[in-house]
Amino acid sequence: TPTYVSGGTTTLTYQHDAVYRLTASGGVKSWAMSLLPASGVVASWTLELTNGGAFAQTWFVGTTWDGGIAPTLTNPGTDILTFYTYNNGATVRGFLVASNIQ
């Protein structure tokens, strides 16, 4: 499982319906997505994040969550999150799909 860089921003390169598998390694994390399609085209991706609850997460710019509050992530453990945008990332919808997958 790839490990993201401690602190700073992790930028994922968009690929249609991709699943990104990452493990938290330290520090506050900011997330970004590059190469999103043009506005009017739906882009979706899934993040499998291990130990994400160990550190504060700053989600993709424009992220709104089901219920209006970012989920509490697991530590130790693995959480599955899914995201989509229809306007080149101006609005990103985030959902916790599964928590503490064993």
C-alpha atoms as a PDB file:
ATOM      1  CA  THR A   1       0.000   0.000   0.000  1.00  0.00           C
ATOM      2  CA  PRO A   2       1.531   3.352  -0.968  1.00  0.00           C
ATOM      3  CA  THR A   3       2.224   5.805   1.843  1.00  0.00           C
ATOM      4  CA  TYR A   4       1.481   9.465   1.389  1.00  0.00           C
ATOM      5  CA  VAL A   5       4.048  12.121   2.211  1.00  0.00           C
ATOM      6  CA  SER A   6       4.123  13.391   5.810  1.00  0.00           C
ATOM      7  CA  GLY A   7       2.394  16.760   6.060  1.00  0.00           C
ATOM      8  CA  GLY A   8       1.830  18.935   3.020  1.00  0.00           C
ATOM      9  CA  THR A   9      -0.460  18.115   0.114  1.00  0.00           C
ATOM     10  CA  THR A  10      -0.991  14.790  -1.600  1.00  0.00           C
ATOM     11  CA  THR A  11      -2.115  15.343  -5.190  1.00  0.00           C
ATOM     12  CA  LEU A  12      -3.800  12.412  -6.885  1.00  0.00           C
ATOM     13  CA  THR A  13      -3.887  12.268 -10.693  1.00  0.00           C
ATOM     14  CA  TYR A  14      -7.449  11.623 -11.812  1.00  0.00           C
ATOM     15  CA  GLN A  15      -8.194   8.399 -13.655  1.00  0.00           C
ATOM     16  CA  HIS A  16     -11.791   7.384 -14.409  1.00  0.00           C
ATOM     17  CA  ASP A  17     -13.253   5.308 -11.551  1.00  0.00           C
ATOM     18  CA  ALA A  18      -9.818   4.840  -9.955  1.00  0.00           C
ATOM     19  CA  VAL A  19      -9.250   3.423  -6.486  1.00  0.00           C
ATOM     20  CA  TYR A  20      -6.327   5.026  -4.658  1.00  0.00           C
ATOM     21  CA  ARG A  21      -4.875   2.947  -1.789  1.00  0.00           C
ATOM     22  CA  LEU A  22      -2.866   4.988   0.712  1.00  0.00           C
ATOM     23  CA  THR A  23      -1.606   4.734   4.289  1.00  0.00           C
ATOM     24  CA  ALA A  24      -1.298   7.753   6.587  1.00  0.00           C
ATOM     25  CA  SER A  25       2.288   8.325   7.660  1.00  0.00           C
ATOM     26  CA  GLY A  26       2.332  11.581   9.600  1.00  0.00           C
ATOM     27  CA  GLY A  27       1.237  15.162   9.895  1.00  0.00           C
ATOM     28  CA  VAL A  28      -1.802  17.108   8.798  1.00  0.00           C
ATOM     29  CA  LYS A  29      -2.775  16.123   5.265  1.00  0.00           C
ATOM     30  CA  SER A  30      -4.224  18.201   2.494  1.00  0.00           C
ATOM     31  CA  TRP A  31      -5.697  16.492  -0.551  1.00  0.00           C
ATOM     32  CA  ALA A  32      -5.838  17.675  -4.164  1.00  0.00           C
ATOM     33  CA  MET A  33      -6.842  16.112  -7.493  1.00  0.00           C
ATOM     34  CA  SER A  34      -5.218  16.949 -10.809  1.00  0.00           C
ATOM     35  CA  LEU A  35      -6.431  16.431 -14.380  1.00  0.00           C
ATOM     36  CA  LEU A  36     -10.156  16.450 -13.603  1.00  0.00           C
ATOM     37  CA  PRO A  37     -12.389  16.512 -16.707  1.00  0.00           C
ATOM     38  CA  ALA A  38     -14.159  19.653 -17.858  1.00  0.00           C
ATOM     39  CA  SER A  39     -17.272  20.970 -16.155  1.00  0.00           C
ATOM     40  CA  GLY A  40     -20.351  18.969 -17.183  1.00  0.00           C
ATOM     41  CA  VAL A  41     -18.493  15.642 -17.095  1.00  0.00           C
ATOM     42  CA  VAL A  42     -18.898  13.573 -13.931  1.00  0.00           C
ATOM     43  CA  ALA A  43     -15.638  12.402 -12.360  1.00  0.00           C
ATOM     44  CA  SER A  44     -15.615   9.868  -9.508  1.00  0.00           C
ATOM     45  CA  TRP A  45     -12.913   8.158  -7.495  1.00  0.00           C
ATOM     46  CA  THR A  46     -12.493   6.047  -4.371  1.00  0.00           C
ATOM     47  CA  LEU A  47      -9.911   6.402  -1.627  1.00  0.00           C
ATOM     48  CA  GLU A  48      -8.942   3.440   0.554  1.00  0.00           C
ATOM     49  CA  LEU A  49      -7.174   5.131   3.448  1.00  0.00           C
ATOM     50  CA  THR A  50      -5.421   3.219   6.210  1.00  0.00           C
ATOM     51  CA  ASN A  51      -4.886   4.947   9.580  1.00  0.00           C
ATOM     52  CA  GLY A  52      -6.421   8.191   8.290  1.00  0.00           C
ATOM     53  CA  GLY A  53      -7.762   8.922  11.762  1.00  0.00           C
ATOM     54  CA  ALA A  54      -4.228   9.276  13.119  1.00  0.00           C
ATOM     55  CA  PHE A  55      -3.885  12.758  11.598  1.00  0.00           C
ATOM     56  CA  ALA A  56      -6.083  15.718  10.675  1.00  0.00           C
ATOM     57  CA  GLN A  57      -7.248  15.599   7.046  1.00  0.00           C
ATOM     58  CA  THR A  58      -7.943  18.669   4.902  1.00  0.00           C
ATOM     59  CA  TRP A  59     -10.070  17.381   2.039  1.00  0.00           C
ATOM     60  CA  PHE A  60     -10.200  18.374  -1.611  1.00  0.00           C
ATOM     61  CA  VAL A  61     -11.156  22.035  -2.133  1.00  0.00           C
ATOM     62  CA  GLY A  62     -14.927  22.295  -2.478  1.00  0.00           C
ATOM     63  CA  THR A  63     -15.679  19.037  -0.619  1.00  0.00           C
ATOM     64  CA  THR A  64     -19.079  18.759   1.011  1.00  0.00           C
ATOM     65  CA  TRP A  65     -20.084  15.735   3.066  1.00  0.00           C
ATOM     66  CA  ASP A  66     -23.193  13.686   3.634  1.00  0.00           C
ATOM     67  CA  GLY A  67     -24.731  15.298   6.718  1.00  0.00           C
ATOM     68  CA  GLY A  68     -22.494  18.355   6.344  1.00  0.00           C
ATOM     69  CA  ILE A  69     -19.640  17.037   8.497  1.00  0.00           C
ATOM     70  CA  ALA A  70     -16.447  15.270   7.420  1.00  0.00           C
ATOM     71  CA  PRO A  71     -16.346  11.713   8.799  1.00  0.00           C
ATOM     72  CA  THR A  72     -14.220  10.580  11.695  1.00  0.00           C
ATOM     73  CA  LEU A  73     -11.668   8.160  10.280  1.00  0.00           C
ATOM     74  CA  THR A  74     -10.219   5.031  11.849  1.00  0.00           C
ATOM     75  CA  ASN A  75      -6.853   4.580  13.546  1.00  0.00           C
ATOM     76  CA  PRO A  76      -5.789   1.863  13.369  1.00  0.00           C
ATOM     77  CA  GLY A  77      -7.868   0.601  10.495  1.00  0.00           C
ATOM     78  CA  THR A  78      -8.919   1.215   6.919  1.00  0.00           C
ATOM     79  CA  ASP A  79     -11.741   3.427   5.688  1.00  0.00           C
ATOM     80  CA  ILE A  80     -13.261   3.607   2.212  1.00  0.00           C
ATOM     81  CA  LEU A  81     -14.322   7.027   0.921  1.00  0.00           C
ATOM     82  CA  THR A  82     -15.792   7.912  -2.433  1.00  0.00           C
ATOM     83  CA  PHE A  83     -15.925  11.295  -4.146  1.00  0.00           C
ATOM     84  CA  TYR A  84     -17.445  12.803  -7.255  1.00  0.00           C
ATOM     85  CA  THR A  85     -17.564  16.152  -9.003  1.00  0.00           C
ATOM     86  CA  TYR A  86     -19.511  17.400 -12.006  1.00  0.00           C
ATOM     87  CA  ASN A  87     -17.914  20.839 -12.303  1.00  0.00           C
ATOM     88  CA  ASN A  88     -14.150  20.305 -12.533  1.00  0.00           C
ATOM     89  CA  GLY A  89     -13.741  20.144  -8.754  1.00  0.00           C
ATOM     90  CA  ALA A  90     -15.540  23.377  -7.814  1.00  0.00           C
ATOM     91  CA  THR A  91     -17.892  21.141  -5.800  1.00  0.00           C
ATOM     92  CA  VAL A  92     -16.753  17.716  -4.611  1.00  0.00           C
ATOM     93  CA  ARG A  93     -19.240  15.417  -2.882  1.00  0.00           C
ATOM     94  CA  GLY A  94     -17.659  13.092  -0.306  1.00  0.00           C
ATOM     95  CA  PHE A  95     -19.071   9.956   1.300  1.00  0.00           C
ATOM     96  CA  LEU A  96     -17.718   7.525   3.880  1.00  0.00           C
ATOM     97  CA  VAL A  97     -18.637   4.183   2.311  1.00  0.00           C
ATOM     98  CA  ALA A  98     -17.129   1.858   4.937  1.00  0.00           C
ATOM     99  CA  SER A  99     -15.325   2.354   8.229  1.00  0.00           C
ATOM    100  CA  ASN A 100     -12.705   0.178   9.917  1.00  0.00           C
ATOM    101  CA  ILE A 101     -12.577  -2.490   7.214  1.00  0.00           C
ATOM    102  CA  GLN A 102     -10.834  -5.587   8.586  1.00  0.00           C
END
